[in-house]
Amino acid sequence: MPRPHLGLLAALAAAYGIFAFSDRIDPYHLDVLVGIGINVILAVSLNLVNGYTGQFSLGHAGFMSVGAYLSAAVTMLLGPRLFGGDSSAWQQNSLFLAALMAGGLGAAVAGLLVGVPSLRLKGDYLALVTLGFGEIIRVIFQNFEPLGGALGLNGIPAYTNIFWVLAFAAFTVFTVACLVHSTYGRGFIATQDDEIAAEAIGLNTTRYKTVAFVVAAFFAGIAGGLYGHFKQTITPGGFDFNRSIEIVVMVILGGMGNTIGVILAAVLLTLLPEVLRPVAEYRMILYSLLLILLMIVRPQGLFNLRFWKTHH
């Protein structure tokens, strides 16, 4: 069996082991661990676009919101009709998995709708289009009363547990690793290295960028569904421009196109605000200063060490 498959099986086994003992873990630590897992999914999926294909997307939180709202709508509206007031754990897990898939596919469709016309653009222009998309989605949810409008959705079933989060984080890393080392991965890297040269040898760079964009959007939607069913409440403001910037910072800090570095950066940037909680009034100032310092000292990425880099 190939190594990535063995790694995935080992990660799933570890996730189940942690879940089996989760009742002994402090709820606060469990909350932080879930936050780390969700951020790993978001950062690794965005790294596929920003790191491996050399694009610059600023709308990842928009895809996350699509997944969060769609999956919550499935479990809140469809669940009671299917199972009534009483449902078994198996039925709940099946419904939750279906809801996550619906949220991921909805986000992927949104990624396709945004990607096809906009991925012919490059650099700053693409960043502006994806930024605009994220804001459009937020405003739509803010004014769509059936899904709570500006007040958001409350009372979402608490279906997310540590196993779901760690399992999907592992599956995200596995999928990105397999893609990058496949024929498509060669196309991603060729697009990143020199788009004009890639097109000159016959590669359809727009297709490669669109595939990366849709896959990244799918996993952002999954992350949104996990987030909504953990927090049990979502509002449009929770998926704003600042959220997208947080994810982009994880990718840049970890090292563009460096999956392990991005994972470590996601862990660090989830833990850092918690570590700074005792100095709450200065937390965001210290957090921002630390980020600036890290960017100055390690502009190529904090964890971008040679033996962690993917060989192109």
C-alpha atoms as a PDB file:
ATOM      1  CA  MET A   1       0.000   0.000   0.000  1.00  0.00           C
ATOM      2  CA  PRO A   2       1.437   3.452  -0.900  1.00  0.00           C
ATOM      3  CA  ARG A   3       2.723   5.635   1.932  1.00  0.00           C
ATOM      4  CA  PRO A   4       0.009   8.338   1.697  1.00  0.00           C
ATOM      5  CA  HIS A   5      -2.664   5.659   2.201  1.00  0.00           C
ATOM      6  CA  LEU A   6      -0.814   4.256   5.201  1.00  0.00           C
ATOM      7  CA  GLY A   7      -0.490   7.765   6.607  1.00  0.00           C
ATOM      8  CA  LEU A   8      -4.225   8.354   6.154  1.00  0.00           C
ATOM      9  CA  LEU A   9      -5.116   5.086   7.901  1.00  0.00           C
ATOM     10  CA  ALA A  10      -2.734   5.900  10.770  1.00  0.00           C
ATOM     11  CA  ALA A  11      -4.233   9.395  11.112  1.00  0.00           C
ATOM     12  CA  LEU A  12      -7.790   8.000  11.122  1.00  0.00           C
ATOM     13  CA  ALA A  13      -6.809   5.451  13.783  1.00  0.00           C
ATOM     14  CA  ALA A  14      -5.227   8.224  15.885  1.00  0.00           C
ATOM     15  CA  ALA A  15      -8.346  10.374  15.436  1.00  0.00           C
ATOM     16  CA  TYR A  16     -10.549   7.540  16.672  1.00  0.00           C
ATOM     17  CA  GLY A  17      -8.203   6.913  19.592  1.00  0.00           C
ATOM     18  CA  ILE A  18      -8.385  10.578  20.650  1.00  0.00           C
ATOM     19  CA  PHE A  19     -12.176  10.507  20.229  1.00  0.00           C
ATOM     20  CA  ALA A  20     -12.442   7.386  22.426  1.00  0.00           C
ATOM     21  CA  PHE A  21     -10.754   9.251  25.291  1.00  0.00           C
ATOM     22  CA  SER A  22     -12.268  12.679  24.527  1.00  0.00           C
ATOM     23  CA  ASP A  23     -14.502  12.552  27.622  1.00  0.00           C
ATOM     24  CA  ARG A  24     -11.320  12.718  29.717  1.00  0.00           C
ATOM     25  CA  ILE A  25     -10.009  15.808  27.890  1.00  0.00           C
ATOM     26  CA  ASP A  26     -10.735  19.213  29.387  1.00  0.00           C
ATOM     27  CA  PRO A  27     -13.561  20.888  27.356  1.00  0.00           C
ATOM     28  CA  TYR A  28     -11.426  23.991  26.815  1.00  0.00           C
ATOM     29  CA  HIS A  29      -8.528  21.949  25.424  1.00  0.00           C
ATOM     30  CA  LEU A  30     -10.982  20.006  23.263  1.00  0.00           C
ATOM     31  CA  ASP A  31     -12.349  23.293  21.908  1.00  0.00           C
ATOM     32  CA  VAL A  32      -8.825  24.440  21.003  1.00  0.00           C
ATOM     33  CA  LEU A  33      -8.038  21.081  19.384  1.00  0.00           C
ATOM     34  CA  VAL A  34     -11.189  21.294  17.244  1.00  0.00           C
ATOM     35  CA  GLY A  35     -10.208  24.839  16.249  1.00  0.00           C
ATOM     36  CA  ILE A  36      -6.759  23.598  15.203  1.00  0.00           C
ATOM     37  CA  GLY A  37      -8.286  20.838  13.078  1.00  0.00           C
ATOM     38  CA  ILE A  38     -10.661  23.213  11.289  1.00  0.00           C
ATOM     39  CA  ASN A  39      -7.860  25.711  10.626  1.00  0.00           C
ATOM     40  CA  VAL A  40      -5.648  22.920   9.246  1.00  0.00           C
ATOM     41  CA  ILE A  41      -8.398  22.022   6.738  1.00  0.00           C
ATOM     42  CA  LEU A  42      -8.766  25.675   5.698  1.00  0.00           C
ATOM     43  CA  ALA A  43      -5.046  26.426   5.459  1.00  0.00           C
ATOM     44  CA  VAL A  44      -4.028  23.228   3.645  1.00  0.00           C
ATOM     45  CA  SER A  45      -6.843  23.618   1.106  1.00  0.00           C
ATOM     46  CA  LEU A  46      -6.004  27.286   0.445  1.00  0.00           C
ATOM     47  CA  ASN A  47      -2.332  26.311   0.062  1.00  0.00           C
ATOM     48  CA  LEU A  48      -3.370  24.272  -2.980  1.00  0.00           C
ATOM     49  CA  VAL A  49      -4.428  27.534  -4.682  1.00  0.00           C
ATOM     50  CA  ASN A  50      -2.028  30.106  -3.222  1.00  0.00           C
ATOM     51  CA  GLY A  51       0.964  27.835  -2.732  1.00  0.00           C
ATOM     52  CA  TYR A  52       0.961  25.191  -5.442  1.00  0.00           C
ATOM     53  CA  THR A  53      -0.674  27.039  -8.357  1.00  0.00           C
ATOM     54  CA  GLY A  54       0.715  30.473  -7.525  1.00  0.00           C
ATOM     55  CA  GLN A  55      -2.643  32.282  -7.410  1.00  0.00           C
ATOM     56  CA  PHE A  56      -3.793  34.666  -4.682  1.00  0.00           C
ATOM     57  CA  SER A  57      -7.292  34.052  -3.347  1.00  0.00           C
ATOM     58  CA  LEU A  58      -8.814  36.204  -0.610  1.00  0.00           C
ATOM     59  CA  GLY A  59     -12.279  34.624  -0.564  1.00  0.00           C
ATOM     60  CA  HIS A  60     -11.768  31.379   1.342  1.00  0.00           C
ATOM     61  CA  ALA A  61     -14.048  32.443   4.197  1.00  0.00           C
ATOM     62  CA  GLY A  62     -16.811  32.935   1.611  1.00  0.00           C
ATOM     63  CA  PHE A  63     -16.608  29.263   0.620  1.00  0.00           C
ATOM     64  CA  MET A  64     -16.487  28.337   4.294  1.00  0.00           C
ATOM     65  CA  SER A  65     -19.735  30.254   4.888  1.00  0.00           C
ATOM     66  CA  VAL A  66     -21.481  28.483   1.989  1.00  0.00           C
ATOM     67  CA  GLY A  67     -20.585  25.119   3.529  1.00  0.00           C
ATOM     68  CA  ALA A  68     -21.593  26.223   7.023  1.00  0.00           C
ATOM     69  CA  TYR A  69     -25.029  27.520   6.012  1.00  0.00           C
ATOM     70  CA  LEU A  70     -25.853  24.706   3.575  1.00  0.00           C
ATOM     71  CA  SER A  71     -24.888  21.906   5.967  1.00  0.00           C
ATOM     72  CA  ALA A  72     -26.754  23.588   8.837  1.00  0.00           C
ATOM     73  CA  ALA A  73     -29.836  23.936   6.628  1.00  0.00           C
ATOM     74  CA  VAL A  74     -29.705  20.199   5.820  1.00  0.00           C
ATOM     75  CA  THR A  75     -29.456  19.054   9.444  1.00  0.00           C
ATOM     76  CA  MET A  76     -31.966  21.590  10.798  1.00  0.00           C
ATOM     77  CA  LEU A  77     -34.598  21.301   8.065  1.00  0.00           C
ATOM     78  CA  LEU A  78     -34.151  17.777   6.717  1.00  0.00           C
ATOM     79  CA  GLY A  79     -33.242  15.965   9.945  1.00  0.00           C
ATOM     80  CA  PRO A  80     -36.580  16.460  11.780  1.00  0.00           C
ATOM     81  CA  ARG A  81     -38.532  15.444   8.657  1.00  0.00           C
ATOM     82  CA  LEU A  82     -36.527  12.241   8.201  1.00  0.00           C
ATOM     83  CA  PHE A  83     -36.216  11.073  11.790  1.00  0.00           C
ATOM     84  CA  GLY A  84     -38.815  13.049  13.719  1.00  0.00           C
ATOM     85  CA  GLY A  85     -37.927  13.895  17.302  1.00  0.00           C
ATOM     86  CA  ASP A  86     -35.938  10.725  17.964  1.00  0.00           C
ATOM     87  CA  SER A  87     -32.919   9.472  16.043  1.00  0.00           C
ATOM     88  CA  SER A  88     -30.135   6.987  16.678  1.00  0.00           C
ATOM     89  CA  ALA A  89     -26.437   7.862  16.713  1.00  0.00           C
ATOM     90  CA  TRP A  90     -26.034   6.069  13.367  1.00  0.00           C
ATOM     91  CA  GLN A  91     -28.827   8.165  11.812  1.00  0.00           C
ATOM     92  CA  GLN A  92     -27.339  11.385  13.198  1.00  0.00           C
ATOM     93  CA  ASN A  93     -23.872  10.564  11.871  1.00  0.00           C
ATOM     94  CA  SER A  94     -25.271   9.596   8.463  1.00  0.00           C
ATOM     95  CA  LEU A  95     -27.255  12.836   8.279  1.00  0.00           C
ATOM     96  CA  PHE A  96     -24.220  14.842   9.386  1.00  0.00           C
ATOM     97  CA  LEU A  97     -21.965  13.245   6.770  1.00  0.00           C
ATOM     98  CA  ALA A  98     -24.601  13.932   4.084  1.00  0.00           C
ATOM     99  CA  ALA A  99     -24.874  17.549   5.318  1.00  0.00           C
ATOM    100  CA  LEU A 100     -21.089  18.012   5.196  1.00  0.00           C
ATOM    101  CA  MET A 101     -20.983  16.622   1.658  1.00  0.00           C
ATOM    102  CA  ALA A 102     -23.836  18.953   0.640  1.00  0.00           C
ATOM    103  CA  GLY A 103     -21.980  21.912   2.143  1.00  0.00           C
ATOM    104  CA  GLY A 104     -18.714  20.916   0.480  1.00  0.00           C
ATOM    105  CA  LEU A 105     -20.342  20.380  -2.921  1.00  0.00           C
ATOM    106  CA  GLY A 106     -22.232  23.677  -2.625  1.00  0.00           C
ATOM    107  CA  ALA A 107     -18.962  25.471  -1.893  1.00  0.00           C
ATOM    108  CA  ALA A 108     -17.297  23.635  -4.808  1.00  0.00           C
ATOM    109  CA  VAL A 109     -20.057  24.817  -7.168  1.00  0.00           C
ATOM    110  CA  ALA A 110     -19.566  28.357  -5.861  1.00  0.00           C
ATOM    111  CA  GLY A 111     -15.819  27.921  -6.463  1.00  0.00           C
ATOM    112  CA  LEU A 112     -16.510  26.811 -10.021  1.00  0.00           C
ATOM    113  CA  LEU A 113     -18.830  29.773 -10.673  1.00  0.00           C
ATOM    114  CA  VAL A 114     -16.192  32.184  -9.371  1.00  0.00           C
ATOM    115  CA  GLY A 115     -13.203  30.342 -10.803  1.00  0.00           C
ATOM    116  CA  VAL A 116     -14.227  29.913 -14.446  1.00  0.00           C
ATOM    117  CA  PRO A 117     -14.535  33.650 -15.235  1.00  0.00           C
ATOM    118  CA  SER A 118     -11.959  34.995 -12.771  1.00  0.00           C
ATOM    119  CA  LEU A 119      -9.024  32.563 -12.987  1.00  0.00           C
ATOM    120  CA  ARG A 120      -8.005  34.025 -16.332  1.00  0.00           C
ATOM    121  CA  LEU A 121      -6.929  36.989 -14.212  1.00  0.00           C
ATOM    122  CA  LYS A 122      -3.669  37.043 -12.282  1.00  0.00           C
ATOM    123  CA  GLY A 123      -2.173  38.463  -9.114  1.00  0.00           C
ATOM    124  CA  ASP A 124      -3.876  41.497  -7.642  1.00  0.00           C
ATOM    125  CA  TYR A 125      -6.831  41.275 -10.019  1.00  0.00           C
ATOM    126  CA  LEU A 126      -7.682  37.729  -8.913  1.00  0.00           C
ATOM    127  CA  ALA A 127      -7.290  38.747  -5.258  1.00  0.00           C
ATOM    128  CA  LEU A 128      -9.794  41.586  -5.766  1.00  0.00           C
ATOM    129  CA  VAL A 129     -12.322  39.302  -7.502  1.00  0.00           C
ATOM    130  CA  THR A 130     -12.156  36.652  -4.754  1.00  0.00           C
ATOM    131  CA  LEU A 131     -12.329  39.366  -2.086  1.00  0.00           C
ATOM    132  CA  GLY A 132     -15.440  40.757  -3.778  1.00  0.00           C
ATOM    133  CA  PHE A 133     -16.975  37.281  -3.927  1.00  0.00           C
ATOM    134  CA  GLY A 134     -16.448  36.761  -0.195  1.00  0.00           C
ATOM    135  CA  GLU A 135     -18.176  40.044   0.595  1.00  0.00           C
ATOM    136  CA  ILE A 136     -21.070  39.296  -1.802  1.00  0.00           C
ATOM    137  CA  ILE A 137     -21.707  35.944  -0.117  1.00  0.00           C
ATOM    138  CA  ARG A 138     -21.613  37.555   3.325  1.00  0.00           C
ATOM    139  CA  VAL A 139     -24.132  40.230   2.308  1.00  0.00           C
ATOM    140  CA  ILE A 140     -26.426  37.623   0.714  1.00  0.00           C
ATOM    141  CA  PHE A 141     -26.526  35.552   3.910  1.00  0.00           C
ATOM    142  CA  GLN A 142     -26.924  38.720   5.963  1.00  0.00           C
ATOM    143  CA  ASN A 143     -30.110  39.599   4.061  1.00  0.00           C
ATOM    144  CA  PHE A 144     -31.516  36.082   3.557  1.00  0.00           C
ATOM    145  CA  GLU A 145     -34.116  35.795   6.315  1.00  0.00           C
ATOM    146  CA  PRO A 146     -34.925  32.047   5.903  1.00  0.00           C
ATOM    147  CA  LEU A 147     -31.359  31.367   7.120  1.00  0.00           C
ATOM    148  CA  GLY A 148     -31.506  33.854   9.977  1.00  0.00           C
ATOM    149  CA  GLY A 149     -30.450  37.033   8.179  1.00  0.00           C
ATOM    150  CA  ALA A 150     -28.119  39.291  10.144  1.00  0.00           C
ATOM    151  CA  LEU A 151     -28.804  37.366  13.368  1.00  0.00           C
ATOM    152  CA  GLY A 152     -27.494  34.151  11.812  1.00  0.00           C
ATOM    153  CA  LEU A 153     -28.568  30.589  12.560  1.00  0.00           C
ATOM    154  CA  ASN A 154     -28.948  29.337  16.127  1.00  0.00           C
ATOM    155  CA  GLY A 155     -29.705  25.908  17.527  1.00  0.00           C
ATOM    156  CA  ILE A 156     -27.590  23.973  15.012  1.00  0.00           C
ATOM    157  CA  PRO A 157     -27.247  20.349  16.190  1.00  0.00           C
ATOM    158  CA  ALA A 158     -23.949  19.658  17.962  1.00  0.00           C
ATOM    159  CA  TYR A 159     -22.864  16.864  15.630  1.00  0.00           C
ATOM    160  CA  THR A 160     -19.193  17.835  15.287  1.00  0.00           C
ATOM    161  CA  ASN A 161     -16.802  15.914  17.492  1.00  0.00           C
ATOM    162  CA  ILE A 162     -13.033  15.571  17.557  1.00  0.00           C
ATOM    163  CA  PHE A 163     -13.091  12.442  15.366  1.00  0.00           C
ATOM    164  CA  TRP A 164     -14.919  14.182  12.506  1.00  0.00           C
ATOM    165  CA  VAL A 165     -12.559  17.168  12.622  1.00  0.00           C
ATOM    166  CA  LEU A 166      -9.302  15.197  12.768  1.00  0.00           C
ATOM    167  CA  ALA A 167     -10.532  12.685  10.183  1.00  0.00           C
ATOM    168  CA  PHE A 168     -11.390  15.420   7.674  1.00  0.00           C
ATOM    169  CA  ALA A 169      -8.126  17.248   8.431  1.00  0.00           C
ATOM    170  CA  ALA A 170      -6.259  14.020   7.613  1.00  0.00           C
ATOM    171  CA  PHE A 171      -8.347  13.467   4.479  1.00  0.00           C
ATOM    172  CA  THR A 172      -7.645  17.045   3.326  1.00  0.00           C
ATOM    173  CA  VAL A 173      -3.890  16.599   3.729  1.00  0.00           C
ATOM    174  CA  PHE A 174      -4.100  13.204   1.986  1.00  0.00           C
ATOM    175  CA  THR A 175      -6.070  14.605  -0.970  1.00  0.00           C
ATOM    176  CA  VAL A 176      -3.750  17.583  -1.449  1.00  0.00           C
ATOM    177  CA  ALA A 177      -0.652  15.347  -1.213  1.00  0.00           C
ATOM    178  CA  CYS A 178      -2.068  12.924  -3.800  1.00  0.00           C
ATOM    179  CA  LEU A 179      -3.054  15.772  -6.122  1.00  0.00           C
ATOM    180  CA  VAL A 180       0.318  17.493  -5.890  1.00  0.00           C
ATOM    181  CA  HIS A 181       2.163  14.258  -6.703  1.00  0.00           C
ATOM    182  CA  SER A 182      -0.155  13.364  -9.582  1.00  0.00           C
ATOM    183  CA  THR A 183      -0.190  14.499 -13.207  1.00  0.00           C
ATOM    184  CA  TYR A 184      -2.413  17.368 -12.156  1.00  0.00           C
ATOM    185  CA  GLY A 185       0.171  18.288  -9.540  1.00  0.00           C
ATOM    186  CA  ARG A 186       2.812  18.674 -12.251  1.00  0.00           C
ATOM    187  CA  GLY A 187       0.366  20.978 -14.021  1.00  0.00           C
ATOM    188  CA  PHE A 188      -0.179  23.013 -10.828  1.00  0.00           C
ATOM    189  CA  ILE A 189       3.541  23.459 -10.294  1.00  0.00           C
ATOM    190  CA  ALA A 190       4.199  24.271 -13.968  1.00  0.00           C
ATOM    191  CA  THR A 191       1.467  26.933 -13.747  1.00  0.00           C
ATOM    192  CA  GLN A 192       3.075  28.367 -10.631  1.00  0.00           C
ATOM    193  CA  ASP A 193       6.619  28.376 -12.041  1.00  0.00           C
ATOM    194  CA  ASP A 194       5.871  30.024 -15.390  1.00  0.00           C
ATOM    195  CA  GLU A 195       2.316  30.256 -16.684  1.00  0.00           C
ATOM    196  CA  ILE A 196       3.315  31.531 -20.127  1.00  0.00           C
ATOM    197  CA  ALA A 197       5.838  28.715 -20.646  1.00  0.00           C
ATOM    198  CA  ALA A 198       3.263  26.154 -19.422  1.00  0.00           C
ATOM    199  CA  GLU A 199       0.730  27.426 -21.981  1.00  0.00           C
ATOM    200  CA  ALA A 200       3.410  27.408 -24.690  1.00  0.00           C
ATOM    201  CA  ILE A 201       3.904  23.639 -24.259  1.00  0.00           C
ATOM    202  CA  GLY A 202       0.175  23.030 -24.471  1.00  0.00           C
ATOM    203  CA  LEU A 203      -0.997  23.043 -20.848  1.00  0.00           C
ATOM    204  CA  ASN A 204      -4.430  24.532 -20.209  1.00  0.00           C
ATOM    205  CA  THR A 205      -3.416  26.560 -17.163  1.00  0.00           C
ATOM    206  CA  THR A 206      -6.956  27.870 -16.575  1.00  0.00           C
ATOM    207  CA  ARG A 207      -8.188  24.291 -16.193  1.00  0.00           C
ATOM    208  CA  TYR A 208      -5.486  23.460 -13.641  1.00  0.00           C
ATOM    209  CA  LYS A 209      -6.211  26.629 -11.681  1.00  0.00           C
ATOM    210  CA  THR A 210      -9.947  25.898 -11.749  1.00  0.00           C
ATOM    211  CA  VAL A 211      -9.447  22.334 -10.473  1.00  0.00           C
ATOM    212  CA  ALA A 212      -7.290  23.607  -7.599  1.00  0.00           C
ATOM    213  CA  PHE A 213      -9.835  26.335  -6.835  1.00  0.00           C
ATOM    214  CA  VAL A 214     -12.816  23.927  -6.791  1.00  0.00           C
ATOM    215  CA  VAL A 215     -11.024  21.342  -4.615  1.00  0.00           C
ATOM    216  CA  ALA A 216      -9.950  24.074  -2.172  1.00  0.00           C
ATOM    217  CA  ALA A 217     -13.516  25.453  -2.061  1.00  0.00           C
ATOM    218  CA  PHE A 218     -14.904  21.954  -1.367  1.00  0.00           C
ATOM    219  CA  PHE A 219     -12.723  21.495   1.708  1.00  0.00           C
ATOM    220  CA  ALA A 220     -13.438  25.050   2.886  1.00  0.00           C
ATOM    221  CA  GLY A 221     -17.135  24.118   2.729  1.00  0.00           C
ATOM    222  CA  ILE A 222     -16.444  20.987   4.792  1.00  0.00           C
ATOM    223  CA  ALA A 223     -14.585  23.120   7.356  1.00  0.00           C
ATOM    224  CA  GLY A 224     -17.571  25.484   7.494  1.00  0.00           C
ATOM    225  CA  GLY A 225     -19.953  22.604   8.160  1.00  0.00           C
ATOM    226  CA  LEU A 226     -17.736  21.276  10.953  1.00  0.00           C
ATOM    227  CA  TYR A 227     -17.453  24.767  12.436  1.00  0.00           C
ATOM    228  CA  GLY A 228     -21.212  25.396  12.392  1.00  0.00           C
ATOM    229  CA  HIS A 229     -22.072  22.061  13.999  1.00  0.00           C
ATOM    230  CA  PHE A 230     -19.477  22.635  16.701  1.00  0.00           C
ATOM    231  CA  LYS A 231     -20.287  26.224  17.644  1.00  0.00           C
ATOM    232  CA  GLN A 232     -24.058  25.579  17.117  1.00  0.00           C
ATOM    233  CA  THR A 233     -24.485  29.149  15.921  1.00  0.00           C
ATOM    234  CA  ILE A 234     -23.206  30.963  12.833  1.00  0.00           C
ATOM    235  CA  THR A 235     -23.496  34.580  11.713  1.00  0.00           C
ATOM    236  CA  PRO A 236     -22.458  36.234   8.426  1.00  0.00           C
ATOM    237  CA  GLY A 237     -19.939  38.362  10.343  1.00  0.00           C
ATOM    238  CA  GLY A 238     -18.028  35.221  11.349  1.00  0.00           C
ATOM    239  CA  PHE A 239     -16.965  34.707   7.718  1.00  0.00           C
ATOM    240  CA  ASP A 240     -15.802  38.203   6.857  1.00  0.00           C
ATOM    241  CA  PHE A 241     -12.627  39.541   5.233  1.00  0.00           C
ATOM    242  CA  ASN A 242     -10.684  39.184   8.491  1.00  0.00           C
ATOM    243  CA  ARG A 243     -11.361  35.437   8.555  1.00  0.00           C
ATOM    244  CA  SER A 244     -10.015  35.084   5.012  1.00  0.00           C
ATOM    245  CA  ILE A 245      -6.911  37.056   5.966  1.00  0.00           C
ATOM    246  CA  GLU A 246      -6.291  34.754   8.952  1.00  0.00           C
ATOM    247  CA  ILE A 247      -6.238  31.749   6.621  1.00  0.00           C
ATOM    248  CA  VAL A 248      -3.952  33.499   4.110  1.00  0.00           C
ATOM    249  CA  VAL A 249      -1.525  34.383   6.939  1.00  0.00           C
ATOM    250  CA  MET A 250      -1.339  30.692   7.928  1.00  0.00           C
ATOM    251  CA  VAL A 251      -0.358  29.780   4.360  1.00  0.00           C
ATOM    252  CA  ILE A 252       2.243  32.550   4.065  1.00  0.00           C
ATOM    253  CA  LEU A 253       3.695  31.904   7.513  1.00  0.00           C
ATOM    254  CA  GLY A 254       3.958  28.167   6.893  1.00  0.00           C
ATOM    255  CA  GLY A 255       5.648  28.632   3.533  1.00  0.00           C
ATOM    256  CA  MET A 256       3.848  28.712   0.196  1.00  0.00           C
ATOM    257  CA  GLY A 257       3.566  25.239  -1.311  1.00  0.00           C
ATOM    258  CA  ASN A 258       4.765  23.579   1.899  1.00  0.00           C
ATOM    259  CA  THR A 259       1.985  21.423   3.358  1.00  0.00           C
ATOM    260  CA  ILE A 260       3.714  20.434   6.607  1.00  0.00           C
ATOM    261  CA  GLY A 261       4.785  24.032   7.244  1.00  0.00           C
ATOM    262  CA  VAL A 262       1.227  25.249   6.665  1.00  0.00           C
ATOM    263  CA  ILE A 263      -0.105  22.649   9.136  1.00  0.00           C
ATOM    264  CA  LEU A 264       2.385  23.833  11.770  1.00  0.00           C
ATOM    265  CA  ALA A 265       1.480  27.473  11.076  1.00  0.00           C
ATOM    266  CA  ALA A 266      -2.230  26.654  11.487  1.00  0.00           C
ATOM    267  CA  VAL A 267      -1.462  25.049  14.858  1.00  0.00           C
ATOM    268  CA  LEU A 268       0.694  28.006  15.945  1.00  0.00           C
ATOM    269  CA  LEU A 269      -1.782  30.690  14.902  1.00  0.00           C
ATOM    270  CA  THR A 270      -4.647  28.870  16.620  1.00  0.00           C
ATOM    271  CA  LEU A 271      -2.697  28.498  19.853  1.00  0.00           C
ATOM    272  CA  LEU A 272      -1.127  31.982  19.865  1.00  0.00           C
ATOM    273  CA  PRO A 273      -4.338  33.934  20.666  1.00  0.00           C
ATOM    274  CA  GLU A 274      -5.063  31.431  23.454  1.00  0.00           C
ATOM    275  CA  VAL A 275      -1.581  31.817  24.934  1.00  0.00           C
ATOM    276  CA  LEU A 276      -2.020  35.604  24.862  1.00  0.00           C
ATOM    277  CA  ARG A 277      -5.453  35.424  26.538  1.00  0.00           C
ATOM    278  CA  PRO A 278      -4.096  36.414  30.008  1.00  0.00           C
ATOM    279  CA  VAL A 279      -3.173  39.809  28.510  1.00  0.00           C
ATOM    280  CA  ALA A 280      -6.516  40.126  26.728  1.00  0.00           C
ATOM    281  CA  GLU A 281      -6.434  43.920  26.383  1.00  0.00           C
ATOM    282  CA  TYR A 282      -3.100  43.756  24.526  1.00  0.00           C
ATOM    283  CA  ARG A 283      -3.653  40.400  22.833  1.00  0.00           C
ATOM    284  CA  MET A 284      -4.363  41.632  19.298  1.00  0.00           C
ATOM    285  CA  ILE A 285      -1.525  44.181  19.462  1.00  0.00           C
ATOM    286  CA  LEU A 286       0.980  41.512  20.549  1.00  0.00           C
ATOM    287  CA  TYR A 287      -0.436  39.051  18.022  1.00  0.00           C
ATOM    288  CA  SER A 288      -0.013  41.567  15.195  1.00  0.00           C
ATOM    289  CA  LEU A 289       3.514  42.529  16.294  1.00  0.00           C
ATOM    290  CA  LEU A 290       4.564  38.876  16.442  1.00  0.00           C
ATOM    291  CA  LEU A 291       3.219  38.299  12.926  1.00  0.00           C
ATOM    292  CA  ILE A 292       5.086  41.358  11.596  1.00  0.00           C
ATOM    293  CA  LEU A 293       8.288  40.185  13.299  1.00  0.00           C
ATOM    294  CA  LEU A 294       7.926  36.679  11.863  1.00  0.00           C
ATOM    295  CA  MET A 295       7.322  38.048   8.368  1.00  0.00           C
ATOM    296  CA  ILE A 296      10.460  40.209   8.609  1.00  0.00           C
ATOM    297  CA  VAL A 297      12.668  37.481  10.059  1.00  0.00           C
ATOM    298  CA  ARG A 298      11.329  34.600   7.934  1.00  0.00           C
ATOM    299  CA  PRO A 299       9.728  36.057   4.767  1.00  0.00           C
ATOM    300  CA  GLN A 300       9.995  32.651   3.035  1.00  0.00           C
ATOM    301  CA  GLY A 301       7.828  31.093   5.751  1.00  0.00           C
ATOM    302  CA  LEU A 302       8.590  30.217   9.338  1.00  0.00           C
ATOM    303  CA  PHE A 303       8.592  26.455   8.756  1.00  0.00           C
ATOM    304  CA  ASN A 304       9.919  26.419   5.193  1.00  0.00           C
ATOM    305  CA  LEU A 305      12.841  24.126   5.938  1.00  0.00           C
ATOM    306  CA  ARG A 306      14.540  22.247   3.102  1.00  0.00           C
ATOM    307  CA  PHE A 307      13.632  18.720   4.183  1.00  0.00           C
ATOM    308  CA  TRP A 308       9.961  19.703   4.473  1.00  0.00           C
ATOM    309  CA  LYS A 309       9.638  21.189   1.014  1.00  0.00           C
ATOM    310  CA  THR A 310       7.956  19.404  -1.837  1.00  0.00           C
ATOM    311  CA  HIS A 311      10.444  18.670  -4.596  1.00  0.00           C
ATOM    312  CA  HIS A 312       9.115  20.046  -7.858  1.00  0.00           C
END
